[in-house]
Structure formats: C-alpha cells, structure tokens
Amino acid sequence: MSRKCDICGKGRTFGSNLTFSHRKINRSWAPNIRKIKAVVDGKTKKINVCTRCLRSGKVERPQNF
C-alpha cells in the first residue's frame, strides 16, 4: 500500500533518534494512511488518505456509506 496521502501529499519523513551519548540513529516517521472510498469527480473511488484529511473534512464520502 502506498504510504502517501492522495489529498495533501503527506508522506514518510526522516530524522534521527538521539541517544543519551549523542549517537544519531536514522529513523523515519510514516503518516497514518487509510484506504477509503471517496467521491472523486462524481464517482466512487478507493484512495489513500491520511487521517488528518479525513478529520478535517477534505474528503467527500459516498452517501450510502
């Protein structure tokens, strides 16, 4: 499954864990992506959407859902 939001484009970000002795360990953070049915151009389609977009109402859900 794609780890990128189809609405806002949010994807994986990279950074470092910093230990007490200041050793840097590379790591990544993944967005909370859900595969949902949404109305796109008047048709129902399955898209990958982050939960932030779902919560803020940027996605139109089908009526019979």
N, C-alpha and C. Protein backbone atom coordinates (compact mmCIF):
# COMPACT_ATOMS: atom_id res chain seq x y z
N MET A 1 0.84 -1.18 0.00
CA MET A 1 0.00 0.00 0.00
C MET A 1 0.89 1.25 0.00
N SER A 2 0.52 2.21 -0.78
CA SER A 2 1.26 3.45 -0.84
C SER A 2 1.18 4.18 0.50
N ARG A 3 2.29 4.72 0.93
CA ARG A 3 2.35 5.45 2.19
C ARG A 3 2.32 6.95 1.94
N LYS A 4 1.49 7.37 0.99
CA LYS A 4 1.38 8.78 0.66
C LYS A 4 -0.09 9.14 0.53
N CYS A 5 -0.47 10.28 1.10
CA CYS A 5 -1.85 10.74 1.04
C CYS A 5 -2.15 11.28 -0.36
N ASP A 6 -3.27 10.85 -0.94
CA ASP A 6 -3.66 11.31 -2.27
C ASP A 6 -4.23 12.73 -2.24
N ILE A 7 -4.61 13.23 -1.07
CA ILE A 7 -5.20 14.56 -0.95
C ILE A 7 -4.12 15.62 -0.72
N CYS A 8 -3.33 15.47 0.34
CA CYS A 8 -2.35 16.51 0.70
C CYS A 8 -0.93 16.16 0.32
N GLY A 9 -0.66 14.89 -0.05
CA GLY A 9 0.68 14.50 -0.45
C GLY A 9 1.61 14.19 0.69
N LYS A 10 1.07 14.12 1.91
CA LYS A 10 1.91 13.82 3.06
C LYS A 10 2.50 12.43 2.92
N GLY A 11 3.79 12.31 3.17
CA GLY A 11 4.48 11.04 3.04
C GLY A 11 5.43 10.81 4.21
N ARG A 12 6.32 9.86 4.03
CA ARG A 12 7.28 9.49 5.06
C ARG A 12 8.29 10.62 5.27
N THR A 13 8.61 10.92 6.54
CA THR A 13 9.63 11.91 6.86
C THR A 13 10.78 11.22 7.57
N PHE A 14 11.96 11.81 7.46
CA PHE A 14 13.16 11.19 8.00
C PHE A 14 13.80 12.11 9.03
N GLY A 15 14.46 11.48 9.98
CA GLY A 15 15.15 12.22 11.02
C GLY A 15 16.08 11.30 11.78
N SER A 16 16.42 11.69 13.01
CA SER A 16 17.36 10.91 13.81
C SER A 16 16.83 10.73 15.23
N ASN A 17 17.08 9.55 15.79
CA ASN A 17 16.95 9.37 17.22
C ASN A 17 18.28 9.80 17.83
N LEU A 18 18.24 10.51 18.93
CA LEU A 18 19.45 10.98 19.57
C LEU A 18 19.55 10.31 20.93
N THR A 19 20.58 9.48 21.12
CA THR A 19 20.73 8.77 22.38
C THR A 19 21.32 9.68 23.44
N PHE A 20 21.40 9.19 24.65
CA PHE A 20 21.97 9.97 25.75
C PHE A 20 23.43 10.32 25.49
N SER A 21 24.14 9.43 24.79
CA SER A 21 25.55 9.68 24.46
C SER A 21 25.70 10.42 23.13
N HIS A 22 24.59 10.94 22.59
CA HIS A 22 24.53 11.73 21.36
C HIS A 22 24.93 10.95 20.11
N ARG A 23 24.66 9.66 20.11
CA ARG A 23 24.79 8.88 18.88
C ARG A 23 23.52 9.05 18.09
N LYS A 24 23.64 9.32 16.82
CA LYS A 24 22.46 9.53 15.97
C LYS A 24 22.12 8.23 15.26
N ILE A 25 20.86 7.86 15.33
CA ILE A 25 20.35 6.66 14.67
C ILE A 25 19.27 7.12 13.70
N ASN A 26 19.44 6.80 12.41
CA ASN A 26 18.46 7.21 11.41
C ASN A 26 17.15 6.47 11.61
N ARG A 27 16.07 7.19 11.48
CA ARG A 27 14.74 6.59 11.56
C ARG A 27 13.77 7.37 10.70
N SER A 28 12.55 6.84 10.57
CA SER A 28 11.55 7.51 9.74
C SER A 28 10.21 7.47 10.45
N TRP A 29 9.37 8.43 10.10
CA TRP A 29 8.01 8.52 10.62
C TRP A 29 7.06 8.38 9.44
N ALA A 30 6.08 7.50 9.57
CA ALA A 30 5.11 7.28 8.50
C ALA A 30 3.78 7.90 8.89
N PRO A 31 3.06 8.51 7.95
CA PRO A 31 1.75 9.08 8.27
C PRO A 31 0.71 7.97 8.45
N ASN A 32 -0.36 8.31 9.13
CA ASN A 32 -1.45 7.36 9.38
C ASN A 32 -2.35 7.35 8.15
N ILE A 33 -2.13 6.40 7.25
CA ILE A 33 -2.84 6.33 5.97
C ILE A 33 -3.93 5.28 6.03
N ARG A 34 -5.10 5.63 5.52
CA ARG A 34 -6.24 4.71 5.43
C ARG A 34 -6.70 4.63 3.99
N LYS A 35 -7.09 3.45 3.54
CA LYS A 35 -7.64 3.27 2.20
C LYS A 35 -9.16 3.35 2.34
N ILE A 36 -9.76 4.37 1.77
CA ILE A 36 -11.20 4.62 1.94
C ILE A 36 -11.87 4.80 0.59
N LYS A 37 -13.20 4.69 0.60
CA LYS A 37 -13.99 5.02 -0.57
C LYS A 37 -14.36 6.49 -0.48
N ALA A 38 -14.08 7.23 -1.55
CA ALA A 38 -14.37 8.65 -1.59
C ALA A 38 -14.95 9.01 -2.94
N VAL A 39 -15.65 10.14 -3.00
CA VAL A 39 -16.22 10.63 -4.25
C VAL A 39 -15.18 11.51 -4.92
N VAL A 40 -14.71 11.07 -6.10
CA VAL A 40 -13.72 11.82 -6.87
C VAL A 40 -14.30 12.04 -8.26
N ASP A 41 -14.49 13.29 -8.63
CA ASP A 41 -15.08 13.67 -9.92
C ASP A 41 -16.45 13.02 -10.13
N GLY A 42 -17.25 12.94 -9.08
CA GLY A 42 -18.61 12.39 -9.18
C GLY A 42 -18.69 10.88 -9.15
N LYS A 43 -17.56 10.19 -9.03
CA LYS A 43 -17.56 8.73 -8.99
C LYS A 43 -16.92 8.23 -7.70
N THR A 44 -17.39 7.09 -7.23
CA THR A 44 -16.81 6.49 -6.03
C THR A 44 -15.52 5.77 -6.40
N LYS A 45 -14.47 6.08 -5.63
CA LYS A 45 -13.15 5.54 -5.93
C LYS A 45 -12.43 5.26 -4.61
N LYS A 46 -11.57 4.23 -4.59
CA LYS A 46 -10.78 3.95 -3.41
C LYS A 46 -9.47 4.74 -3.49
N ILE A 47 -9.22 5.55 -2.46
CA ILE A 47 -8.00 6.36 -2.43
C ILE A 47 -7.33 6.22 -1.06
N ASN A 48 -6.04 6.53 -1.02
CA ASN A 48 -5.28 6.54 0.23
C ASN A 48 -5.31 7.94 0.80
N VAL A 49 -5.80 8.06 2.06
CA VAL A 49 -5.97 9.36 2.68
C VAL A 49 -5.41 9.30 4.09
N CYS A 50 -4.72 10.36 4.51
CA CYS A 50 -4.24 10.42 5.89
C CYS A 50 -5.41 10.80 6.80
N THR A 51 -5.30 10.44 8.06
CA THR A 51 -6.40 10.67 9.00
C THR A 51 -6.60 12.16 9.27
N ARG A 52 -5.57 12.97 9.07
CA ARG A 52 -5.73 14.41 9.25
C ARG A 52 -6.70 14.98 8.21
N CYS A 53 -6.60 14.51 6.96
CA CYS A 53 -7.51 14.97 5.91
C CYS A 53 -8.92 14.45 6.15
N LEU A 54 -9.04 13.23 6.65
CA LEU A 54 -10.37 12.68 6.96
C LEU A 54 -11.04 13.50 8.04
N ARG A 55 -10.29 13.83 9.09
CA ARG A 55 -10.84 14.53 10.24
C ARG A 55 -11.21 15.96 9.90
N SER A 56 -10.44 16.60 9.01
CA SER A 56 -10.69 18.00 8.69
C SER A 56 -11.76 18.17 7.61
N GLY A 57 -12.26 17.05 7.04
CA GLY A 57 -13.36 17.13 6.09
C GLY A 57 -12.92 17.46 4.67
N LYS A 58 -11.69 17.18 4.31
CA LYS A 58 -11.22 17.44 2.95
C LYS A 58 -11.66 16.37 1.96
N VAL A 59 -12.26 15.28 2.48
CA VAL A 59 -12.65 14.15 1.64
C VAL A 59 -14.16 14.02 1.68
N GLU A 60 -14.77 13.87 0.50
CA GLU A 60 -16.21 13.66 0.42
C GLU A 60 -16.48 12.17 0.35
N ARG A 61 -17.23 11.66 1.34
CA ARG A 61 -17.55 10.25 1.40
C ARG A 61 -18.83 9.97 0.62
N PRO A 62 -19.04 8.74 0.11
CA PRO A 62 -20.29 8.40 -0.59
C PRO A 62 -21.49 8.48 0.37
N GLN A 63 -22.65 8.77 -0.17
CA GLN A 63 -23.86 8.93 0.65
C GLN A 63 -24.34 7.63 1.28
N ASN A 64 -24.21 6.51 0.56
CA ASN A 64 -24.74 5.25 1.07
C ASN A 64 -23.78 4.54 2.02
N PHE A 65 -22.75 5.23 2.46
CA PHE A 65 -21.75 4.63 3.34
C PHE A 65 -22.25 4.58 4.75
